[in-house]
Amino acid sequence: MLCLFRNARLSPMFHFLASLISWGTVLYWLYFSFIHKSFLENVFAGKALMVDLLLGLPVVLVFAIVIYAFLYWSIKLLVILLFPHTIIHINTNLDEESDDFLDAAEMEHPKKSDDLSHKV
């Protein structure tokens, strides 16, 4: 299941809907934390403490990223489970590509460990 989750993309329609739902929720979270809880008003009025600025602001922004990722991946998982015919499989040959990359790198830069063994 993890391999299917990692090697699958959503169809363009589901990707658009998942992104729209995720971004909408993130924007609502930012609105709630900045406007509704009057964080910006307190910052501009000088009522915010240094702790609010140093700890509160980064936590609010990081939580927005967590909300987006959680919702997008949850929607992706639901689409894989409920509508498996709509996913686009990605053909990945990472093992072959990494072996080719390592072979090319070794040919380009040969190991110099043999030179050091003669000096000892």
N, C-alpha and C. Protein backbone atom coordinates (compact mmCIF):
# COMPACT_ATOMS: atom_id res chain seq x y z
N MET A 1 0.83 -1.19 0.00
CA MET A 1 0.00 0.00 0.00
C MET A 1 0.87 1.25 0.00
N LEU A 2 1.95 1.23 0.78
CA LEU A 2 2.84 2.38 0.82
C LEU A 2 3.47 2.62 -0.54
N CYS A 3 3.84 1.54 -1.23
CA CYS A 3 4.43 1.68 -2.56
C CYS A 3 3.41 2.29 -3.53
N LEU A 4 2.17 1.87 -3.43
CA LEU A 4 1.13 2.44 -4.27
C LEU A 4 0.90 3.91 -3.94
N PHE A 5 0.92 4.24 -2.66
CA PHE A 5 0.74 5.64 -2.25
C PHE A 5 1.88 6.51 -2.76
N ARG A 6 3.11 5.99 -2.69
CA ARG A 6 4.27 6.78 -3.09
C ARG A 6 4.40 6.89 -4.60
N ASN A 7 4.05 5.83 -5.32
CA ASN A 7 4.26 5.79 -6.77
C ASN A 7 2.99 6.08 -7.56
N ALA A 8 2.11 6.86 -7.00
CA ALA A 8 0.87 7.21 -7.69
C ALA A 8 0.62 8.71 -7.58
N ARG A 9 0.12 9.26 -8.67
CA ARG A 9 -0.32 10.66 -8.67
C ARG A 9 -1.82 10.68 -8.84
N LEU A 10 -2.42 11.72 -8.33
CA LEU A 10 -3.85 11.88 -8.53
C LEU A 10 -4.11 12.36 -9.95
N SER A 11 -5.28 12.01 -10.47
CA SER A 11 -5.66 12.54 -11.78
C SER A 11 -5.77 14.05 -11.66
N PRO A 12 -5.65 14.77 -12.76
CA PRO A 12 -5.68 16.24 -12.67
C PRO A 12 -6.92 16.80 -11.97
N MET A 13 -8.07 16.17 -12.17
CA MET A 13 -9.29 16.66 -11.52
C MET A 13 -9.20 16.48 -10.01
N PHE A 14 -8.81 15.29 -9.54
CA PHE A 14 -8.70 15.06 -8.11
C PHE A 14 -7.56 15.86 -7.49
N HIS A 15 -6.49 16.06 -8.24
CA HIS A 15 -5.39 16.89 -7.74
C HIS A 15 -5.86 18.32 -7.52
N PHE A 16 -6.61 18.84 -8.47
CA PHE A 16 -7.14 20.20 -8.34
C PHE A 16 -8.08 20.31 -7.13
N LEU A 17 -8.97 19.33 -6.98
CA LEU A 17 -9.90 19.36 -5.84
C LEU A 17 -9.17 19.22 -4.51
N ALA A 18 -8.20 18.31 -4.45
CA ALA A 18 -7.45 18.12 -3.20
C ALA A 18 -6.66 19.38 -2.86
N SER A 19 -6.04 19.98 -3.86
CA SER A 19 -5.29 21.22 -3.62
C SER A 19 -6.21 22.35 -3.19
N LEU A 20 -7.36 22.44 -3.83
CA LEU A 20 -8.32 23.49 -3.49
C LEU A 20 -8.83 23.34 -2.05
N ILE A 21 -9.16 22.12 -1.66
CA ILE A 21 -9.63 21.88 -0.30
C ILE A 21 -8.51 22.16 0.70
N SER A 22 -7.31 21.70 0.40
CA SER A 22 -6.18 21.90 1.32
C SER A 22 -5.83 23.37 1.47
N TRP A 23 -5.73 24.09 0.34
CA TRP A 23 -5.40 25.52 0.41
C TRP A 23 -6.51 26.31 1.09
N GLY A 24 -7.77 25.93 0.84
CA GLY A 24 -8.88 26.62 1.51
C GLY A 24 -8.82 26.46 3.02
N THR A 25 -8.49 25.26 3.46
CA THR A 25 -8.39 25.02 4.90
C THR A 25 -7.21 25.77 5.50
N VAL A 26 -6.10 25.82 4.78
CA VAL A 26 -4.92 26.55 5.26
C VAL A 26 -5.24 28.04 5.35
N LEU A 27 -5.89 28.57 4.35
CA LEU A 27 -6.25 29.99 4.40
C LEU A 27 -7.22 30.29 5.54
N TYR A 28 -8.15 29.36 5.79
CA TYR A 28 -9.05 29.56 6.93
C TYR A 28 -8.26 29.50 8.23
N TRP A 29 -7.30 28.59 8.36
CA TRP A 29 -6.48 28.51 9.57
C TRP A 29 -5.70 29.81 9.79
N LEU A 30 -5.12 30.34 8.72
CA LEU A 30 -4.37 31.59 8.86
C LEU A 30 -5.30 32.76 9.21
N TYR A 31 -6.48 32.78 8.59
CA TYR A 31 -7.45 33.81 8.94
C TYR A 31 -7.84 33.70 10.41
N PHE A 32 -8.15 32.48 10.86
CA PHE A 32 -8.55 32.26 12.24
C PHE A 32 -7.46 32.69 13.21
N SER A 33 -6.23 32.30 12.92
CA SER A 33 -5.16 32.58 13.89
C SER A 33 -4.71 34.04 13.86
N PHE A 34 -4.72 34.67 12.70
CA PHE A 34 -4.24 36.06 12.62
C PHE A 34 -5.34 37.09 12.83
N ILE A 35 -6.48 36.92 12.17
CA ILE A 35 -7.53 37.93 12.19
C ILE A 35 -8.53 37.67 13.33
N HIS A 36 -9.09 36.47 13.37
CA HIS A 36 -10.13 36.19 14.36
C HIS A 36 -9.60 36.25 15.79
N LYS A 37 -8.42 35.76 16.02
CA LYS A 37 -7.82 35.82 17.35
C LYS A 37 -7.05 37.12 17.57
N SER A 38 -7.16 38.04 16.64
CA SER A 38 -6.58 39.39 16.69
C SER A 38 -5.09 39.39 17.02
N PHE A 39 -4.36 38.46 16.41
CA PHE A 39 -2.91 38.41 16.61
C PHE A 39 -2.24 39.61 15.95
N LEU A 40 -2.63 39.91 14.72
CA LEU A 40 -2.02 41.04 14.01
C LEU A 40 -2.33 42.36 14.71
N GLU A 41 -3.55 42.47 15.21
CA GLU A 41 -3.93 43.71 15.92
C GLU A 41 -3.07 43.90 17.17
N ASN A 42 -2.81 42.83 17.88
CA ASN A 42 -1.97 42.91 19.08
C ASN A 42 -0.52 43.22 18.72
N VAL A 43 -0.04 42.68 17.61
CA VAL A 43 1.34 42.95 17.18
C VAL A 43 1.50 44.41 16.80
N PHE A 44 0.58 44.92 16.01
CA PHE A 44 0.69 46.32 15.56
C PHE A 44 0.41 47.32 16.68
N ALA A 45 -0.38 46.91 17.67
CA ALA A 45 -0.66 47.80 18.80
C ALA A 45 0.43 47.74 19.86
N GLY A 46 1.33 46.78 19.72
CA GLY A 46 2.42 46.65 20.68
C GLY A 46 2.04 45.87 21.92
N LYS A 47 0.93 45.17 21.88
CA LYS A 47 0.49 44.39 23.03
C LYS A 47 1.04 42.96 23.04
N ALA A 48 1.58 42.53 21.92
CA ALA A 48 2.10 41.16 21.83
C ALA A 48 3.42 41.04 22.57
N LEU A 49 3.57 39.96 23.26
CA LEU A 49 4.80 39.71 23.99
C LEU A 49 5.85 39.15 23.03
N MET A 50 7.11 39.21 23.45
CA MET A 50 8.18 38.67 22.63
C MET A 50 8.03 37.17 22.45
N VAL A 51 7.48 36.50 23.46
CA VAL A 51 7.26 35.05 23.37
C VAL A 51 6.24 34.73 22.28
N ASP A 52 5.22 35.58 22.16
CA ASP A 52 4.24 35.38 21.10
C ASP A 52 4.87 35.48 19.73
N LEU A 53 5.78 36.41 19.57
CA LEU A 53 6.42 36.59 18.27
C LEU A 53 7.45 35.50 17.98
N LEU A 54 8.20 35.09 19.00
CA LEU A 54 9.26 34.11 18.77
C LEU A 54 8.75 32.68 18.71
N LEU A 55 7.72 32.36 19.47
CA LEU A 55 7.22 30.99 19.50
C LEU A 55 5.87 30.85 18.81
N GLY A 56 4.98 31.79 19.01
CA GLY A 56 3.64 31.67 18.47
C GLY A 56 3.58 31.78 16.96
N LEU A 57 4.26 32.75 16.41
CA LEU A 57 4.22 32.95 14.96
C LEU A 57 4.79 31.77 14.18
N PRO A 58 5.97 31.25 14.53
CA PRO A 58 6.46 30.07 13.80
C PRO A 58 5.57 28.85 13.95
N VAL A 59 4.98 28.66 15.11
CA VAL A 59 4.10 27.51 15.31
C VAL A 59 2.86 27.63 14.42
N VAL A 60 2.31 28.83 14.32
CA VAL A 60 1.13 29.05 13.47
C VAL A 60 1.48 28.77 12.01
N LEU A 61 2.62 29.23 11.55
CA LEU A 61 3.01 29.03 10.16
C LEU A 61 3.35 27.58 9.86
N VAL A 62 4.03 26.91 10.76
CA VAL A 62 4.36 25.50 10.56
C VAL A 62 3.10 24.66 10.59
N PHE A 63 2.17 25.00 11.47
CA PHE A 63 0.94 24.24 11.53
C PHE A 63 0.14 24.38 10.24
N ALA A 64 0.25 25.49 9.56
CA ALA A 64 -0.41 25.65 8.26
C ALA A 64 0.15 24.64 7.25
N ILE A 65 1.45 24.42 7.27
CA ILE A 65 2.06 23.43 6.38
C ILE A 65 1.61 22.03 6.75
N VAL A 66 1.53 21.75 8.03
CA VAL A 66 1.08 20.43 8.50
C VAL A 66 -0.36 20.18 8.09
N ILE A 67 -1.20 21.19 8.19
CA ILE A 67 -2.61 21.05 7.80
C ILE A 67 -2.70 20.74 6.31
N TYR A 68 -1.94 21.47 5.49
CA TYR A 68 -1.99 21.23 4.04
C TYR A 68 -1.56 19.80 3.72
N ALA A 69 -0.44 19.37 4.27
CA ALA A 69 0.08 18.04 3.97
C ALA A 69 -0.88 16.95 4.46
N PHE A 70 -1.41 17.12 5.66
CA PHE A 70 -2.33 16.12 6.20
C PHE A 70 -3.58 15.99 5.34
N LEU A 71 -4.17 17.10 4.96
CA LEU A 71 -5.39 17.04 4.16
C LEU A 71 -5.13 16.49 2.77
N TYR A 72 -4.05 16.93 2.13
CA TYR A 72 -3.76 16.46 0.78
C TYR A 72 -3.49 14.97 0.78
N TRP A 73 -2.68 14.49 1.72
CA TRP A 73 -2.36 13.06 1.76
C TRP A 73 -3.57 12.23 2.19
N SER A 74 -4.42 12.78 3.03
CA SER A 74 -5.65 12.06 3.40
C SER A 74 -6.58 11.92 2.20
N ILE A 75 -6.72 12.99 1.44
CA ILE A 75 -7.55 12.93 0.24
C ILE A 75 -6.94 11.96 -0.77
N LYS A 76 -5.62 11.99 -0.90
CA LYS A 76 -4.96 11.06 -1.82
C LYS A 76 -5.20 9.61 -1.40
N LEU A 77 -5.12 9.34 -0.11
CA LEU A 77 -5.37 7.99 0.39
C LEU A 77 -6.82 7.57 0.14
N LEU A 78 -7.75 8.49 0.37
CA LEU A 78 -9.16 8.17 0.10
C LEU A 78 -9.41 7.91 -1.38
N VAL A 79 -8.78 8.67 -2.24
CA VAL A 79 -8.94 8.46 -3.68
C VAL A 79 -8.35 7.11 -4.09
N ILE A 80 -7.20 6.74 -3.52
CA ILE A 80 -6.60 5.45 -3.84
C ILE A 80 -7.51 4.31 -3.37
N LEU A 81 -8.12 4.45 -2.21
CA LEU A 81 -8.98 3.40 -1.69
C LEU A 81 -10.34 3.35 -2.38
N LEU A 82 -10.93 4.50 -2.66
CA LEU A 82 -12.29 4.53 -3.20
C LEU A 82 -12.35 4.57 -4.73
N PHE A 83 -11.41 5.24 -5.36
CA PHE A 83 -11.42 5.38 -6.81
C PHE A 83 -10.06 4.98 -7.39
N PRO A 84 -9.66 3.73 -7.29
CA PRO A 84 -8.32 3.35 -7.74
C PRO A 84 -8.11 3.50 -9.25
N HIS A 85 -9.18 3.54 -10.02
CA HIS A 85 -9.04 3.68 -11.46
C HIS A 85 -8.65 5.10 -11.89
N THR A 86 -8.72 6.06 -10.97
CA THR A 86 -8.41 7.46 -11.33
C THR A 86 -6.98 7.86 -11.03
N ILE A 87 -6.19 6.99 -10.42
CA ILE A 87 -4.81 7.37 -10.09
C ILE A 87 -3.90 7.10 -11.29
N ILE A 88 -2.83 7.84 -11.36
CA ILE A 88 -1.84 7.70 -12.41
C ILE A 88 -0.61 7.08 -11.79
N HIS A 89 -0.23 5.91 -12.28
CA HIS A 89 0.94 5.22 -11.73
C HIS A 89 2.21 5.83 -12.30
N ILE A 90 3.20 5.99 -11.43
CA ILE A 90 4.50 6.50 -11.83
C ILE A 90 5.45 5.32 -11.88
N ASN A 91 6.07 5.12 -13.03
CA ASN A 91 7.02 4.02 -13.18
C ASN A 91 8.38 4.50 -12.70
N THR A 92 8.81 3.97 -11.58
CA THR A 92 10.10 4.38 -11.03
C THR A 92 11.03 3.19 -11.01
N ASN A 93 12.19 3.39 -11.57
CA ASN A 93 13.24 2.39 -11.54
C ASN A 93 14.41 2.99 -10.79
N LEU A 94 14.20 3.26 -9.52
CA LEU A 94 15.22 3.96 -8.74
C LEU A 94 16.47 3.12 -8.56
N ASP A 95 16.32 1.80 -8.42
CA ASP A 95 17.49 0.96 -8.23
C ASP A 95 18.39 0.97 -9.45
N GLU A 96 17.80 0.86 -10.64
CA GLU A 96 18.60 0.87 -11.86
C GLU A 96 19.23 2.24 -12.09
N GLU A 97 18.47 3.31 -11.85
CA GLU A 97 18.99 4.65 -12.06
C GLU A 97 20.12 4.96 -11.08
N SER A 98 19.97 4.56 -9.83
CA SER A 98 21.01 4.84 -8.86
C SER A 98 22.27 4.05 -9.17
N ASP A 99 22.14 2.80 -9.66
CA ASP A 99 23.31 2.02 -10.04
C ASP A 99 24.02 2.66 -11.22
N ASP A 100 23.26 3.13 -12.21
CA ASP A 100 23.86 3.81 -13.36
C ASP A 100 24.58 5.07 -12.92
N PHE A 101 23.98 5.81 -12.00
CA PHE A 101 24.59 7.04 -11.51
C PHE A 101 25.89 6.74 -10.78
N LEU A 102 25.88 5.71 -9.93
CA LEU A 102 27.10 5.35 -9.21
C LEU A 102 28.20 4.87 -10.14
N ASP A 103 27.83 4.08 -11.17
CA ASP A 103 28.83 3.63 -12.14
C ASP A 103 29.44 4.80 -12.89
N ALA A 104 28.61 5.75 -13.30
CA ALA A 104 29.11 6.93 -14.02
C ALA A 104 30.00 7.77 -13.11
N ALA A 105 29.64 7.89 -11.86
CA ALA A 105 30.44 8.68 -10.93
C ALA A 105 31.79 8.01 -10.66
N GLU A 106 31.82 6.69 -10.56
CA GLU A 106 33.07 5.99 -10.34
C GLU A 106 33.99 6.08 -11.55
N MET A 107 33.41 6.08 -12.74
CA MET A 107 34.24 6.20 -13.94
C MET A 107 34.80 7.61 -14.06
N GLU A 108 34.01 8.58 -13.64
CA GLU A 108 34.44 9.97 -13.73
C GLU A 108 35.49 10.30 -12.69
N HIS A 109 35.33 9.78 -11.49
CA HIS A 109 36.26 10.03 -10.39
C HIS A 109 36.69 8.69 -9.80
N PRO A 110 37.76 8.10 -10.30
CA PRO A 110 38.17 6.79 -9.78
C PRO A 110 38.63 6.91 -8.33
N LYS A 111 38.55 5.81 -7.63
CA LYS A 111 38.94 5.78 -6.22
C LYS A 111 40.44 5.97 -6.11
N LYS A 112 40.87 6.71 -5.12
CA LYS A 112 42.29 6.97 -4.92
C LYS A 112 42.80 6.23 -3.69
N SER A 113 42.06 5.25 -3.22
CA SER A 113 42.50 4.51 -2.04
C SER A 113 43.72 3.65 -2.36
N ASP A 114 43.90 3.22 -3.63
CA ASP A 114 45.07 2.41 -4.00
C ASP A 114 46.34 3.21 -3.87
N ASP A 115 46.30 4.51 -4.18
CA ASP A 115 47.49 5.34 -4.09
C ASP A 115 47.95 5.48 -2.64
N LEU A 116 47.03 5.55 -1.71
CA LEU A 116 47.38 5.71 -0.30
C LEU A 116 47.97 4.43 0.29
N SER A 117 47.56 3.28 -0.21
CA SER A 117 48.07 2.02 0.35
C SER A 117 49.55 1.81 0.01
N HIS A 118 50.03 2.35 -1.11
CA HIS A 118 51.44 2.20 -1.49
C HIS A 118 52.34 3.07 -0.65
N LYS A 119 51.82 4.19 -0.14
CA LYS A 119 52.64 5.10 0.63
C LYS A 119 52.87 4.62 2.05
N VAL A 120 52.03 3.76 2.57
CA VAL A 120 52.13 3.32 3.97
C VAL A 120 53.23 2.33 4.17
